């Protein structure tokens, strides 16, 4: 049964154009696509935050204030890149004053936790092997 979460966005205190390194953007898109779901929850334990990736943005909520969005990465524009290795422009929009301080660590910490989650998902995915023209699933130990 699907579980639903609601998050609330206050009036923006500010917004700044930023760029996300290509490896970070590509990793978050691959994780979302690999999940097969409309969004992916990424716990960032080192910051005590939860990031939620969907097809339009990434939102960040403090684990102590679970429903209020502190900041969001919005309006990604990967189409302006001339190669997949160039950074992706986006808008950093923040709704709480402490977001500016949190953002100093968020980009690096987020990427590390996206990689960890992607690795866990890969390990949980059944390995498919062919046996006499039949496909069988082998689950890793």
N, C-alpha and C. Protein backbone atom coordinates (compact mmCIF):
# COMPACT_ATOMS: atom_id res chain seq x y z
N UNK A 1 0.84 -1.18 0.00
CA UNK A 1 0.00 0.00 0.00
C UNK A 1 0.89 1.25 0.00
N UNK A 2 0.60 2.20 -0.87
CA UNK A 2 1.41 3.41 -0.94
C UNK A 2 1.30 4.23 0.34
N UNK A 3 2.39 4.85 0.70
CA UNK A 3 2.40 5.74 1.84
C UNK A 3 2.59 7.16 1.33
N UNK A 4 1.86 8.09 1.88
CA UNK A 4 1.92 9.47 1.43
C UNK A 4 2.52 10.35 2.52
N UNK A 5 3.31 11.29 2.11
CA UNK A 5 3.90 12.29 3.00
C UNK A 5 3.51 13.66 2.47
N UNK A 6 3.25 14.57 3.37
CA UNK A 6 2.96 15.95 2.98
C UNK A 6 4.05 16.86 3.52
N UNK A 7 4.47 17.78 2.68
CA UNK A 7 5.48 18.76 3.06
C UNK A 7 4.94 20.14 2.75
N UNK A 8 5.33 21.10 3.55
CA UNK A 8 4.82 22.46 3.40
C UNK A 8 5.95 23.42 3.11
N UNK A 9 5.68 24.28 2.16
CA UNK A 9 6.67 25.25 1.70
C UNK A 9 6.18 26.63 2.11
N UNK A 10 7.00 27.32 2.89
CA UNK A 10 6.66 28.69 3.28
C UNK A 10 7.00 29.66 2.17
N UNK A 11 6.84 30.93 2.47
CA UNK A 11 7.21 31.96 1.52
C UNK A 11 8.74 32.00 1.43
N UNK A 12 9.31 32.01 0.23
CA UNK A 12 10.77 32.02 0.11
C UNK A 12 11.39 33.26 0.75
N UNK A 13 12.46 33.03 1.52
CA UNK A 13 13.22 34.14 2.08
C UNK A 13 14.23 34.65 1.06
N UNK A 14 14.57 33.79 0.11
CA UNK A 14 15.52 34.17 -0.93
C UNK A 14 15.74 33.05 -1.90
N UNK A 15 16.41 33.38 -2.99
CA UNK A 15 16.74 32.40 -4.02
C UNK A 15 18.04 32.82 -4.68
N UNK A 16 18.85 31.82 -5.01
CA UNK A 16 20.14 32.09 -5.64
C UNK A 16 20.37 31.09 -6.77
N UNK A 17 20.86 31.56 -7.90
CA UNK A 17 21.24 30.61 -8.95
C UNK A 17 22.52 29.88 -8.51
N UNK A 18 22.53 28.58 -8.72
CA UNK A 18 23.70 27.76 -8.37
C UNK A 18 23.88 26.71 -9.46
N UNK A 19 24.96 25.95 -9.33
CA UNK A 19 25.16 24.81 -10.23
C UNK A 19 25.46 23.57 -9.41
N UNK A 20 25.03 22.46 -9.93
CA UNK A 20 25.28 21.16 -9.32
C UNK A 20 26.26 20.42 -10.21
N UNK A 21 27.34 19.87 -9.63
CA UNK A 21 28.28 19.13 -10.47
C UNK A 21 27.56 18.03 -11.26
N UNK A 22 28.03 17.78 -12.44
CA UNK A 22 27.40 16.79 -13.33
C UNK A 22 27.25 15.44 -12.66
N UNK A 23 28.29 15.00 -11.92
CA UNK A 23 28.22 13.68 -11.28
C UNK A 23 27.07 13.62 -10.28
N UNK A 24 26.84 14.72 -9.57
CA UNK A 24 25.77 14.77 -8.57
C UNK A 24 24.41 14.73 -9.26
N UNK A 25 24.24 15.55 -10.29
CA UNK A 25 22.96 15.58 -11.00
C UNK A 25 22.67 14.24 -11.66
N UNK A 26 23.66 13.70 -12.35
CA UNK A 26 23.46 12.42 -13.03
C UNK A 26 23.13 11.32 -12.04
N UNK A 27 23.78 11.32 -10.87
CA UNK A 27 23.52 10.30 -9.85
C UNK A 27 22.10 10.39 -9.30
N UNK A 28 21.63 11.61 -9.05
CA UNK A 28 20.27 11.73 -8.51
C UNK A 28 19.23 11.33 -9.54
N UNK A 29 19.46 11.66 -10.81
CA UNK A 29 18.52 11.26 -11.86
C UNK A 29 18.52 9.74 -12.07
N UNK A 30 19.70 9.14 -12.03
CA UNK A 30 19.78 7.69 -12.17
C UNK A 30 19.08 6.99 -11.00
N UNK A 31 19.28 7.49 -9.79
CA UNK A 31 18.62 6.91 -8.62
C UNK A 31 17.10 6.99 -8.77
N UNK A 32 16.60 8.12 -9.17
CA UNK A 32 15.16 8.29 -9.35
C UNK A 32 14.64 7.35 -10.43
N UNK A 33 15.33 7.29 -11.56
CA UNK A 33 14.91 6.41 -12.65
C UNK A 33 14.98 4.94 -12.25
N UNK A 34 16.05 4.56 -11.56
CA UNK A 34 16.25 3.18 -11.13
C UNK A 34 15.18 2.75 -10.14
N UNK A 35 14.72 3.68 -9.30
CA UNK A 35 13.72 3.34 -8.28
C UNK A 35 12.37 2.96 -8.91
N UNK A 36 12.07 3.53 -10.07
CA UNK A 36 10.78 3.26 -10.70
C UNK A 36 9.61 3.93 -9.99
N UNK A 37 9.89 4.84 -9.10
CA UNK A 37 8.85 5.50 -8.32
C UNK A 37 8.83 7.00 -8.66
N UNK A 38 7.75 7.69 -8.31
CA UNK A 38 7.69 9.12 -8.62
C UNK A 38 8.62 9.98 -7.76
N UNK A 39 9.06 9.44 -6.61
CA UNK A 39 10.01 10.18 -5.78
C UNK A 39 10.84 9.20 -4.96
N UNK A 40 11.98 9.69 -4.49
CA UNK A 40 12.89 8.88 -3.68
C UNK A 40 13.24 9.68 -2.43
N UNK A 41 13.13 9.04 -1.28
CA UNK A 41 13.51 9.64 -0.01
C UNK A 41 14.96 9.26 0.28
N UNK A 42 15.79 10.27 0.51
CA UNK A 42 17.21 10.04 0.77
C UNK A 42 17.53 10.56 2.17
N UNK A 43 17.68 9.66 3.15
CA UNK A 43 18.07 10.13 4.48
C UNK A 43 19.53 10.58 4.49
N UNK A 44 19.77 11.77 4.96
CA UNK A 44 21.13 12.29 5.07
C UNK A 44 21.47 12.30 6.56
N UNK A 45 21.89 11.15 7.03
CA UNK A 45 22.09 10.96 8.46
C UNK A 45 23.13 11.90 9.06
N UNK A 46 24.16 12.21 8.31
CA UNK A 46 25.23 13.07 8.84
C UNK A 46 24.75 14.49 9.11
N UNK A 47 23.68 14.91 8.44
CA UNK A 47 23.10 16.24 8.68
C UNK A 47 21.80 16.16 9.48
N UNK A 48 21.26 14.95 9.64
CA UNK A 48 19.94 14.76 10.25
C UNK A 48 18.85 15.45 9.42
N UNK A 49 18.94 15.25 8.09
CA UNK A 49 17.96 15.79 7.16
C UNK A 49 17.43 14.68 6.27
N UNK A 50 16.31 14.95 5.64
CA UNK A 50 15.75 14.06 4.63
C UNK A 50 15.64 14.87 3.35
N UNK A 51 16.16 14.30 2.27
CA UNK A 51 16.00 14.91 0.95
C UNK A 51 14.97 14.07 0.20
N UNK A 52 14.17 14.72 -0.59
CA UNK A 52 13.19 14.02 -1.42
C UNK A 52 13.41 14.46 -2.85
N UNK A 53 13.74 13.48 -3.69
CA UNK A 53 13.98 13.74 -5.11
C UNK A 53 12.71 13.42 -5.87
N UNK A 54 12.26 14.32 -6.71
CA UNK A 54 11.22 13.99 -7.68
C UNK A 54 11.66 14.50 -9.04
N UNK A 55 10.79 14.44 -10.02
CA UNK A 55 11.19 14.78 -11.38
C UNK A 55 11.40 16.29 -11.59
N UNK A 56 10.97 17.10 -10.63
CA UNK A 56 11.07 18.55 -10.80
C UNK A 56 12.07 19.22 -9.87
N UNK A 57 12.31 18.64 -8.70
CA UNK A 57 13.14 19.31 -7.71
C UNK A 57 13.65 18.32 -6.66
N UNK A 58 14.49 18.84 -5.77
CA UNK A 58 14.93 18.11 -4.58
C UNK A 58 14.62 19.02 -3.40
N UNK A 59 13.84 18.50 -2.45
CA UNK A 59 13.52 19.28 -1.26
C UNK A 59 14.29 18.72 -0.07
N UNK A 60 14.54 19.57 0.92
CA UNK A 60 15.27 19.17 2.12
C UNK A 60 14.46 19.57 3.34
N UNK A 61 14.28 18.60 4.24
CA UNK A 61 13.57 18.86 5.49
C UNK A 61 14.44 18.41 6.66
N UNK A 62 14.40 19.19 7.72
CA UNK A 62 15.12 18.87 8.96
C UNK A 62 14.37 17.73 9.64
N UNK A 63 15.10 16.75 10.18
CA UNK A 63 14.45 15.61 10.82
C UNK A 63 13.68 16.03 12.08
N UNK A 64 13.99 17.19 12.64
CA UNK A 64 13.27 17.68 13.82
C UNK A 64 11.97 18.39 13.44
N UNK A 65 11.89 18.90 12.21
CA UNK A 65 10.70 19.61 11.72
C UNK A 65 10.30 18.91 10.43
N UNK A 66 9.71 17.76 10.55
CA UNK A 66 9.56 16.82 9.45
C UNK A 66 8.67 17.26 8.29
N UNK A 67 7.88 18.28 8.45
CA UNK A 67 6.95 18.62 7.38
C UNK A 67 7.26 19.94 6.67
N UNK A 68 8.12 20.75 7.27
CA UNK A 68 8.43 22.05 6.67
C UNK A 68 9.69 21.95 5.81
N UNK A 69 9.56 22.37 4.57
CA UNK A 69 10.70 22.38 3.66
C UNK A 69 11.61 23.53 4.07
N UNK A 70 12.88 23.21 4.31
CA UNK A 70 13.85 24.25 4.69
C UNK A 70 14.41 24.92 3.44
N UNK A 71 14.75 24.10 2.44
CA UNK A 71 15.21 24.64 1.17
C UNK A 71 14.98 23.62 0.07
N UNK A 72 15.07 24.10 -1.15
CA UNK A 72 14.84 23.23 -2.31
C UNK A 72 15.79 23.61 -3.43
N UNK A 73 16.13 22.61 -4.20
CA UNK A 73 16.88 22.82 -5.44
C UNK A 73 15.84 22.69 -6.54
N UNK A 74 15.58 23.77 -7.24
CA UNK A 74 14.49 23.79 -8.21
C UNK A 74 14.97 24.22 -9.60
N UNK A 75 14.12 23.96 -10.56
CA UNK A 75 14.31 24.43 -11.93
C UNK A 75 15.67 24.02 -12.51
N UNK A 76 15.97 22.73 -12.41
CA UNK A 76 17.20 22.22 -13.03
C UNK A 76 17.12 22.46 -14.53
N UNK A 77 18.25 22.83 -15.13
CA UNK A 77 18.29 23.09 -16.57
C UNK A 77 19.44 22.31 -17.22
N UNK A 78 19.33 20.98 -17.28
CA UNK A 78 20.41 20.20 -17.89
C UNK A 78 20.54 20.44 -19.38
N UNK A 79 19.48 20.93 -20.02
CA UNK A 79 19.50 21.14 -21.46
C UNK A 79 20.44 22.25 -21.89
N UNK A 80 20.89 23.10 -20.97
CA UNK A 80 21.81 24.18 -21.35
C UNK A 80 23.25 23.70 -21.43
N UNK A 81 23.50 22.49 -20.97
CA UNK A 81 24.86 21.95 -21.02
C UNK A 81 25.21 21.53 -22.44
N UNK A 82 26.47 21.68 -22.78
CA UNK A 82 26.92 21.18 -24.09
C UNK A 82 27.51 19.78 -23.97
N UNK A 83 27.72 19.31 -22.73
CA UNK A 83 28.17 17.93 -22.53
C UNK A 83 27.65 17.44 -21.18
N UNK A 84 27.60 16.13 -21.02
CA UNK A 84 27.10 15.53 -19.79
C UNK A 84 28.04 15.72 -18.60
N UNK A 85 29.22 16.23 -18.85
CA UNK A 85 30.18 16.43 -17.76
C UNK A 85 30.17 17.86 -17.22
N UNK A 86 29.37 18.73 -17.81
CA UNK A 86 29.26 20.11 -17.33
C UNK A 86 28.26 20.20 -16.19
N UNK A 87 28.47 21.16 -15.27
CA UNK A 87 27.52 21.33 -14.16
C UNK A 87 26.13 21.74 -14.66
N UNK A 88 25.13 21.45 -13.83
CA UNK A 88 23.75 21.74 -14.18
C UNK A 88 23.26 22.94 -13.36
N UNK A 89 22.80 23.99 -14.03
CA UNK A 89 22.27 25.15 -13.30
C UNK A 89 20.92 24.81 -12.64
N UNK A 90 20.71 25.39 -11.48
CA UNK A 90 19.44 25.25 -10.78
C UNK A 90 19.23 26.46 -9.88
N UNK A 91 18.07 26.54 -9.27
CA UNK A 91 17.77 27.63 -8.35
C UNK A 91 17.72 27.08 -6.93
N UNK A 92 18.54 27.62 -6.06
CA UNK A 92 18.52 27.29 -4.64
C UNK A 92 17.53 28.25 -4.00
N UNK A 93 16.41 27.70 -3.54
CA UNK A 93 15.37 28.52 -2.92
C UNK A 93 15.26 28.11 -1.46
N UNK A 94 15.31 29.08 -0.56
CA UNK A 94 15.29 28.73 0.86
C UNK A 94 14.14 29.42 1.58
N UNK A 95 13.63 28.69 2.59
CA UNK A 95 12.43 29.11 3.31
C UNK A 95 12.69 29.34 4.80
N UNK A 96 13.87 28.97 5.27
CA UNK A 96 14.28 29.16 6.66
C UNK A 96 15.66 29.80 6.65
N UNK A 97 15.94 30.66 7.63
CA UNK A 97 17.22 31.37 7.67
C UNK A 97 18.41 30.43 7.80
N UNK A 98 18.27 29.35 8.55
CA UNK A 98 19.40 28.42 8.76
C UNK A 98 19.75 27.64 7.49
N UNK A 99 18.94 27.73 6.47
CA UNK A 99 19.20 27.01 5.21
C UNK A 99 20.53 27.42 4.59
N UNK A 100 20.89 28.67 4.72
CA UNK A 100 22.16 29.13 4.15
C UNK A 100 23.34 28.42 4.80
N UNK A 101 23.25 28.18 6.09
CA UNK A 101 24.31 27.45 6.79
C UNK A 101 24.28 25.96 6.44
N UNK A 102 23.10 25.38 6.40
CA UNK A 102 22.95 23.96 6.07
C UNK A 102 23.45 23.67 4.66
N UNK A 103 23.20 24.58 3.76
CA UNK A 103 23.56 24.39 2.36
C UNK A 103 25.07 24.24 2.17
N UNK A 104 25.86 24.79 3.08
CA UNK A 104 27.32 24.70 2.97
C UNK A 104 27.79 23.24 2.95
N UNK A 105 27.07 22.36 3.63
CA UNK A 105 27.44 20.94 3.66
C UNK A 105 26.50 20.06 2.83
N UNK A 106 25.33 20.56 2.53
CA UNK A 106 24.28 19.72 1.94
C UNK A 106 24.66 19.10 0.60
N UNK A 107 25.30 19.84 -0.26
CA UNK A 107 25.57 19.33 -1.60
C UNK A 107 26.49 18.10 -1.55
N UNK A 108 27.56 18.17 -0.78
CA UNK A 108 28.49 17.05 -0.68
C UNK A 108 27.86 15.88 0.06
N UNK A 109 27.21 16.15 1.18
CA UNK A 109 26.59 15.09 1.99
C UNK A 109 25.47 14.39 1.20
N UNK A 110 24.69 15.16 0.48
CA UNK A 110 23.61 14.60 -0.33
C UNK A 110 24.15 13.62 -1.35
N UNK A 111 25.18 14.02 -2.05
CA UNK A 111 25.77 13.15 -3.09
C UNK A 111 26.27 11.84 -2.49
N UNK A 112 26.93 11.90 -1.35
CA UNK A 112 27.42 10.68 -0.70
C UNK A 112 26.28 9.75 -0.33
N UNK A 113 25.18 10.30 0.17
CA UNK A 113 24.05 9.47 0.57
C UNK A 113 23.26 8.96 -0.63
N UNK A 114 23.23 9.70 -1.71
CA UNK A 114 22.62 9.20 -2.95
C UNK A 114 23.39 7.97 -3.44
N UNK A 115 24.72 8.05 -3.39
CA UNK A 115 25.54 6.91 -3.80
C UNK A 115 25.31 5.69 -2.90
N UNK A 116 25.22 5.91 -1.59
CA UNK A 116 24.96 4.80 -0.66
C UNK A 116 23.61 4.15 -0.93
N UNK A 117 22.59 4.96 -1.13
CA UNK A 117 21.26 4.44 -1.39
C UNK A 117 21.22 3.69 -2.72
N UNK A 118 21.87 4.22 -3.73
CA UNK A 118 21.91 3.55 -5.03
C UNK A 118 22.59 2.19 -4.90
N UNK A 119 23.66 2.11 -4.13
CA UNK A 119 24.36 0.84 -3.93
C UNK A 119 23.47 -0.17 -3.21
N UNK A 120 22.74 0.28 -2.21
CA UNK A 120 21.81 -0.62 -1.50
C UNK A 120 20.72 -1.13 -2.43
N UNK A 121 20.22 -0.25 -3.29
CA UNK A 121 19.17 -0.66 -4.23
C UNK A 121 19.72 -1.68 -5.22
N UNK A 122 20.97 -1.47 -5.68
CA UNK A 122 21.58 -2.43 -6.61
C UNK A 122 21.76 -3.79 -5.95
N UNK A 123 22.16 -3.80 -4.68
CA UNK A 123 22.37 -5.06 -3.97
C UNK A 123 21.06 -5.80 -3.73
N UNK A 124 19.98 -5.06 -3.57
CA UNK A 124 18.68 -5.68 -3.33
C UNK A 124 18.01 -6.15 -4.62
N UNK A 125 18.45 -5.65 -5.74
CA UNK A 125 17.87 -6.00 -7.05
C UNK A 125 18.23 -7.45 -7.39
N UNK A 126 17.26 -8.24 -7.83
CA UNK A 126 17.57 -9.62 -8.23
C UNK A 126 18.53 -9.64 -9.42
N UNK A 127 19.41 -10.60 -9.40
CA UNK A 127 20.34 -10.81 -10.51
C UNK A 127 19.67 -11.79 -11.46
N UNK A 128 19.59 -11.43 -12.74
CA UNK A 128 18.93 -12.30 -13.70
C UNK A 128 19.98 -13.08 -14.49
N UNK A 129 19.74 -14.36 -14.62
CA UNK A 129 20.66 -15.22 -15.35
C UNK A 129 19.85 -16.10 -16.29
N UNK A 130 20.43 -16.45 -17.42
CA UNK A 130 19.75 -17.32 -18.38
C UNK A 130 20.15 -18.76 -18.11
N UNK A 131 19.17 -19.65 -18.14
CA UNK A 131 19.40 -21.07 -17.95
C UNK A 131 18.50 -21.81 -18.93
N UNK A 132 19.08 -22.35 -19.99
CA UNK A 132 18.32 -23.07 -21.01
C UNK A 132 17.16 -22.24 -21.55
N UNK A 133 17.45 -21.02 -21.93
CA UNK A 133 16.47 -20.08 -22.50
C UNK A 133 15.39 -19.64 -21.52
N UNK A 134 15.52 -19.99 -20.25
CA UNK A 134 14.60 -19.50 -19.23
C UNK A 134 15.33 -18.46 -18.40
N UNK A 135 14.63 -17.45 -17.99
CA UNK A 135 15.26 -16.45 -17.13
C UNK A 135 14.90 -16.80 -15.68
N UNK A 136 15.91 -16.90 -14.86
CA UNK A 136 15.70 -17.17 -13.45
C UNK A 136 16.26 -16.01 -12.64
N UNK A 137 15.67 -15.77 -11.50
CA UNK A 137 16.15 -14.71 -10.63
C UNK A 137 16.95 -15.33 -9.49
N UNK A 138 18.10 -14.79 -9.28
CA UNK A 138 18.95 -15.20 -8.18
C UNK A 138 19.10 -14.03 -7.24
N UNK A 139 18.72 -14.21 -6.01
CA UNK A 139 18.81 -13.11 -5.05
C UNK A 139 20.15 -13.21 -4.33
N UNK A 140 20.91 -12.10 -4.28
CA UNK A 140 22.19 -12.14 -3.58
C UNK A 140 21.99 -12.37 -2.08
N UNK A 141 22.99 -13.00 -1.46
CA UNK A 141 22.90 -13.26 -0.02
C UNK A 141 22.97 -12.00 0.76
